[in-house]
N, C-alpha and C. Protein backbone atom coordinates (compact mmCIF):
# COMPACT_ATOMS: atom_id res chain seq x y z
N MET A 1 0.85 -1.19 0.00
CA MET A 1 0.00 0.00 0.00
C MET A 1 0.89 1.24 0.00
N THR A 2 0.66 2.10 -0.96
CA THR A 2 1.40 3.35 -1.05
C THR A 2 0.70 4.42 -0.21
N VAL A 3 1.50 5.14 0.58
CA VAL A 3 0.97 6.22 1.42
C VAL A 3 1.55 7.53 0.88
N GLU A 4 0.68 8.52 0.71
CA GLU A 4 1.09 9.81 0.16
C GLU A 4 0.52 10.95 0.99
N ARG A 5 0.92 12.17 0.61
CA ARG A 5 0.38 13.40 1.18
C ARG A 5 -0.29 14.17 0.05
N LEU A 6 -1.51 14.63 0.32
CA LEU A 6 -2.25 15.50 -0.59
C LEU A 6 -2.30 16.88 0.05
N THR A 7 -1.86 17.90 -0.67
CA THR A 7 -2.06 19.27 -0.22
C THR A 7 -3.01 19.90 -1.23
N ALA A 8 -3.97 20.67 -0.74
CA ALA A 8 -4.95 21.26 -1.64
C ALA A 8 -5.41 22.61 -1.13
N ARG A 9 -5.74 23.47 -2.08
CA ARG A 9 -6.33 24.79 -1.80
C ARG A 9 -7.60 24.87 -2.64
N LEU A 10 -8.72 25.08 -1.96
CA LEU A 10 -10.01 25.18 -2.63
C LEU A 10 -10.46 26.63 -2.60
N THR A 11 -10.94 27.12 -3.72
CA THR A 11 -11.44 28.49 -3.78
C THR A 11 -12.89 28.49 -4.23
N GLY A 12 -13.58 29.58 -3.94
CA GLY A 12 -14.98 29.74 -4.28
C GLY A 12 -15.75 30.13 -3.03
N ARG A 13 -17.00 29.69 -2.96
CA ARG A 13 -17.78 29.92 -1.73
C ARG A 13 -17.49 28.72 -0.82
N VAL A 14 -16.42 28.84 -0.05
CA VAL A 14 -15.93 27.71 0.74
C VAL A 14 -15.84 28.01 2.23
N GLN A 15 -16.02 29.26 2.62
CA GLN A 15 -15.98 29.60 4.04
C GLN A 15 -17.40 29.93 4.51
N GLY A 16 -17.72 29.48 5.71
CA GLY A 16 -19.05 29.75 6.26
C GLY A 16 -20.13 28.82 5.73
N VAL A 17 -19.74 27.72 5.09
CA VAL A 17 -20.71 26.78 4.52
C VAL A 17 -20.52 25.36 5.06
N GLY A 18 -19.70 25.20 6.10
CA GLY A 18 -19.48 23.89 6.69
C GLY A 18 -18.45 23.03 5.98
N LEU A 19 -17.66 23.65 5.11
CA LEU A 19 -16.69 22.86 4.32
C LEU A 19 -15.63 22.21 5.20
N ARG A 20 -15.09 22.95 6.18
CA ARG A 20 -14.04 22.35 7.02
C ARG A 20 -14.56 21.13 7.77
N TRP A 21 -15.76 21.23 8.31
CA TRP A 21 -16.36 20.10 9.04
C TRP A 21 -16.60 18.94 8.08
N TRP A 22 -17.06 19.23 6.88
CA TRP A 22 -17.32 18.20 5.88
C TRP A 22 -16.01 17.52 5.48
N VAL A 23 -14.94 18.30 5.26
CA VAL A 23 -13.65 17.72 4.92
C VAL A 23 -13.16 16.81 6.04
N ARG A 24 -13.26 17.28 7.28
CA ARG A 24 -12.81 16.46 8.40
C ARG A 24 -13.57 15.15 8.48
N THR A 25 -14.88 15.20 8.40
CA THR A 25 -15.70 13.99 8.47
C THR A 25 -15.36 13.04 7.33
N THR A 26 -15.24 13.59 6.13
CA THR A 26 -14.92 12.77 4.96
C THR A 26 -13.54 12.13 5.10
N ALA A 27 -12.56 12.91 5.53
CA ALA A 27 -11.20 12.40 5.71
C ALA A 27 -11.17 11.31 6.77
N GLU A 28 -11.89 11.51 7.87
CA GLU A 28 -11.94 10.50 8.92
C GLU A 28 -12.57 9.21 8.41
N GLU A 29 -13.65 9.34 7.63
CA GLU A 29 -14.31 8.16 7.06
C GLU A 29 -13.38 7.39 6.13
N LEU A 30 -12.47 8.11 5.47
CA LEU A 30 -11.52 7.49 4.54
C LEU A 30 -10.25 7.02 5.25
N GLY A 31 -10.16 7.25 6.56
CA GLY A 31 -8.99 6.81 7.31
C GLY A 31 -7.76 7.67 7.11
N LEU A 32 -7.97 8.94 6.78
CA LEU A 32 -6.85 9.86 6.52
C LEU A 32 -6.50 10.66 7.77
N THR A 33 -5.29 11.17 7.81
CA THR A 33 -4.86 12.07 8.86
C THR A 33 -4.44 13.40 8.23
N GLY A 34 -4.38 14.47 9.03
CA GLY A 34 -3.96 15.77 8.53
C GLY A 34 -4.77 16.88 9.15
N TRP A 35 -5.03 17.93 8.37
CA TRP A 35 -5.76 19.09 8.88
C TRP A 35 -6.40 19.88 7.75
N VAL A 36 -7.37 20.73 8.11
CA VAL A 36 -8.02 21.65 7.18
C VAL A 36 -8.20 22.98 7.91
N THR A 37 -8.07 24.09 7.17
CA THR A 37 -8.21 25.42 7.78
C THR A 37 -8.73 26.42 6.76
N ASN A 38 -9.37 27.49 7.25
CA ASN A 38 -9.72 28.62 6.40
C ASN A 38 -8.45 29.41 6.13
N ALA A 39 -8.26 29.84 4.89
CA ALA A 39 -7.12 30.69 4.55
C ALA A 39 -7.45 32.14 4.91
N ASP A 40 -6.42 32.94 5.03
CA ASP A 40 -6.59 34.34 5.42
C ASP A 40 -7.33 35.18 4.39
N ASP A 41 -7.38 34.76 3.15
CA ASP A 41 -7.99 35.57 2.09
C ASP A 41 -9.52 35.54 2.10
N GLU A 42 -10.13 34.73 2.97
CA GLU A 42 -11.58 34.62 3.11
C GLU A 42 -12.28 34.05 1.88
N ARG A 43 -11.51 33.55 0.92
CA ARG A 43 -12.08 32.93 -0.28
C ARG A 43 -11.55 31.53 -0.53
N SER A 44 -10.75 31.02 0.39
CA SER A 44 -10.19 29.70 0.16
C SER A 44 -10.01 28.92 1.46
N VAL A 45 -9.90 27.62 1.28
CA VAL A 45 -9.66 26.68 2.36
C VAL A 45 -8.45 25.84 1.96
N GLU A 46 -7.58 25.57 2.93
CA GLU A 46 -6.38 24.77 2.66
C GLU A 46 -6.44 23.50 3.48
N LEU A 47 -5.88 22.43 2.94
CA LEU A 47 -5.84 21.18 3.67
C LEU A 47 -4.60 20.38 3.33
N VAL A 48 -4.23 19.53 4.27
CA VAL A 48 -3.18 18.54 4.09
C VAL A 48 -3.76 17.23 4.58
N ALA A 49 -3.68 16.20 3.75
CA ALA A 49 -4.19 14.88 4.14
C ALA A 49 -3.15 13.83 3.78
N GLU A 50 -2.99 12.86 4.65
CA GLU A 50 -2.07 11.76 4.41
C GLU A 50 -2.79 10.43 4.57
N GLY A 51 -2.40 9.48 3.73
CA GLY A 51 -2.99 8.15 3.82
C GLY A 51 -2.77 7.38 2.53
N PRO A 52 -3.47 6.27 2.39
CA PRO A 52 -3.34 5.45 1.19
C PRO A 52 -3.74 6.22 -0.07
N THR A 53 -3.04 5.96 -1.14
CA THR A 53 -3.28 6.66 -2.41
C THR A 53 -4.74 6.58 -2.82
N GLU A 54 -5.36 5.41 -2.68
CA GLU A 54 -6.75 5.24 -3.12
C GLU A 54 -7.69 6.13 -2.32
N ALA A 55 -7.44 6.27 -1.02
CA ALA A 55 -8.29 7.13 -0.18
C ALA A 55 -8.09 8.60 -0.54
N LEU A 56 -6.85 8.98 -0.85
CA LEU A 56 -6.58 10.37 -1.26
C LEU A 56 -7.22 10.66 -2.61
N ASP A 57 -7.22 9.68 -3.51
CA ASP A 57 -7.89 9.85 -4.81
C ASP A 57 -9.37 10.13 -4.60
N ARG A 58 -9.98 9.39 -3.68
CA ARG A 58 -11.41 9.58 -3.40
C ARG A 58 -11.67 10.95 -2.80
N LEU A 59 -10.85 11.35 -1.82
CA LEU A 59 -11.02 12.67 -1.22
C LEU A 59 -10.87 13.76 -2.27
N GLU A 60 -9.83 13.66 -3.09
CA GLU A 60 -9.59 14.69 -4.11
C GLU A 60 -10.78 14.79 -5.05
N SER A 61 -11.36 13.67 -5.42
CA SER A 61 -12.54 13.68 -6.29
C SER A 61 -13.71 14.37 -5.60
N LEU A 62 -13.94 14.07 -4.33
CA LEU A 62 -15.05 14.66 -3.58
C LEU A 62 -14.86 16.16 -3.35
N LEU A 63 -13.61 16.60 -3.26
CA LEU A 63 -13.34 18.03 -3.03
C LEU A 63 -13.89 18.92 -4.13
N HIS A 64 -14.06 18.40 -5.32
CA HIS A 64 -14.56 19.19 -6.45
C HIS A 64 -16.04 19.52 -6.29
N HIS A 65 -16.73 18.82 -5.38
CA HIS A 65 -18.16 19.05 -5.17
C HIS A 65 -18.44 19.69 -3.82
N GLY A 66 -17.80 19.18 -2.77
CA GLY A 66 -18.00 19.74 -1.43
C GLY A 66 -19.39 19.46 -0.90
N PRO A 67 -19.72 20.04 0.26
CA PRO A 67 -21.03 19.83 0.87
C PRO A 67 -22.07 20.75 0.24
N PRO A 68 -23.36 20.49 0.53
CA PRO A 68 -24.40 21.42 0.06
C PRO A 68 -24.11 22.82 0.60
N GLY A 69 -24.29 23.81 -0.23
CA GLY A 69 -24.05 25.20 0.17
C GLY A 69 -22.70 25.72 -0.28
N ALA A 70 -21.76 24.82 -0.50
CA ALA A 70 -20.44 25.25 -0.99
C ALA A 70 -20.48 25.36 -2.52
N ARG A 71 -19.67 26.23 -3.06
CA ARG A 71 -19.50 26.32 -4.51
C ARG A 71 -18.00 26.31 -4.77
N ILE A 72 -17.48 25.16 -5.12
CA ILE A 72 -16.05 24.99 -5.36
C ILE A 72 -15.73 25.47 -6.77
N GLU A 73 -14.90 26.49 -6.88
CA GLU A 73 -14.51 27.01 -8.18
C GLU A 73 -13.22 26.36 -8.66
N THR A 74 -12.23 26.22 -7.77
CA THR A 74 -10.97 25.58 -8.15
C THR A 74 -10.46 24.70 -7.02
N VAL A 75 -9.79 23.63 -7.41
CA VAL A 75 -9.09 22.75 -6.48
C VAL A 75 -7.66 22.65 -6.99
N ASP A 76 -6.73 23.28 -6.29
CA ASP A 76 -5.31 23.21 -6.63
C ASP A 76 -4.69 22.15 -5.73
N ALA A 77 -4.47 20.96 -6.27
CA ALA A 77 -4.00 19.84 -5.46
C ALA A 77 -2.64 19.36 -5.94
N ARG A 78 -1.84 18.93 -4.97
CA ARG A 78 -0.51 18.39 -5.25
C ARG A 78 -0.29 17.16 -4.39
N ARG A 79 0.53 16.24 -4.89
CA ARG A 79 0.89 15.04 -4.13
C ARG A 79 2.37 15.08 -3.79
N LEU A 80 2.67 14.67 -2.58
CA LEU A 80 4.04 14.61 -2.07
C LEU A 80 4.20 13.32 -1.28
N PRO A 81 5.42 12.96 -0.91
CA PRO A 81 5.59 11.81 -0.01
C PRO A 81 4.98 12.14 1.36
N ALA A 82 4.40 11.15 2.00
CA ALA A 82 3.82 11.34 3.32
C ALA A 82 4.92 11.54 4.37
N SER A 83 4.62 12.35 5.37
CA SER A 83 5.58 12.59 6.45
C SER A 83 5.31 11.71 7.66
N GLY A 84 4.06 11.26 7.81
CA GLY A 84 3.69 10.45 8.96
C GLY A 84 3.57 11.24 10.26
N GLU A 85 3.50 12.57 10.16
CA GLU A 85 3.52 13.41 11.36
C GLU A 85 2.16 13.56 12.04
N PHE A 86 1.08 13.13 11.42
CA PHE A 86 -0.25 13.35 11.98
C PHE A 86 -0.80 12.08 12.61
N GLU A 87 -1.55 12.25 13.70
CA GLU A 87 -2.19 11.11 14.37
C GLU A 87 -3.67 11.02 14.03
N ARG A 88 -4.28 12.15 13.66
CA ARG A 88 -5.70 12.20 13.34
C ARG A 88 -5.92 13.32 12.33
N PHE A 89 -7.18 13.54 11.96
CA PHE A 89 -7.53 14.63 11.06
C PHE A 89 -8.25 15.70 11.86
N GLY A 90 -7.75 16.92 11.84
CA GLY A 90 -8.35 17.98 12.64
C GLY A 90 -8.63 19.25 11.87
N ILE A 91 -9.39 20.11 12.50
CA ILE A 91 -9.68 21.43 11.97
C ILE A 91 -8.77 22.42 12.69
N VAL A 92 -8.02 23.18 11.92
CA VAL A 92 -7.15 24.23 12.48
C VAL A 92 -7.94 25.52 12.36
N ARG A 93 -8.07 26.21 13.45
CA ARG A 93 -8.80 27.49 13.42
C ARG A 93 -8.00 28.51 12.63
N GLY A 94 -8.68 29.09 11.65
CA GLY A 94 -7.99 30.06 10.81
C GLY A 94 -8.78 31.32 10.66
């Protein structure tokens, strides 16, 4: 099983619509670790997730839709080697 890190920045109507909570729940269901936070620009959300490639593929696919109320305009995602530094998936207050 290959383990990777996904970093992503989502833009659009992504703050104030429950996106961070949705990302956390989805990541936990997929067995991923990492974090999600609102970016300072008030138009984007950033996240880092680590886990099996297949689970990251699923998360990345779901990020293009988000929860009801969100309007995802762009998903800028990159893959890197996993660091193994996270124990769970959390929301970072931003």
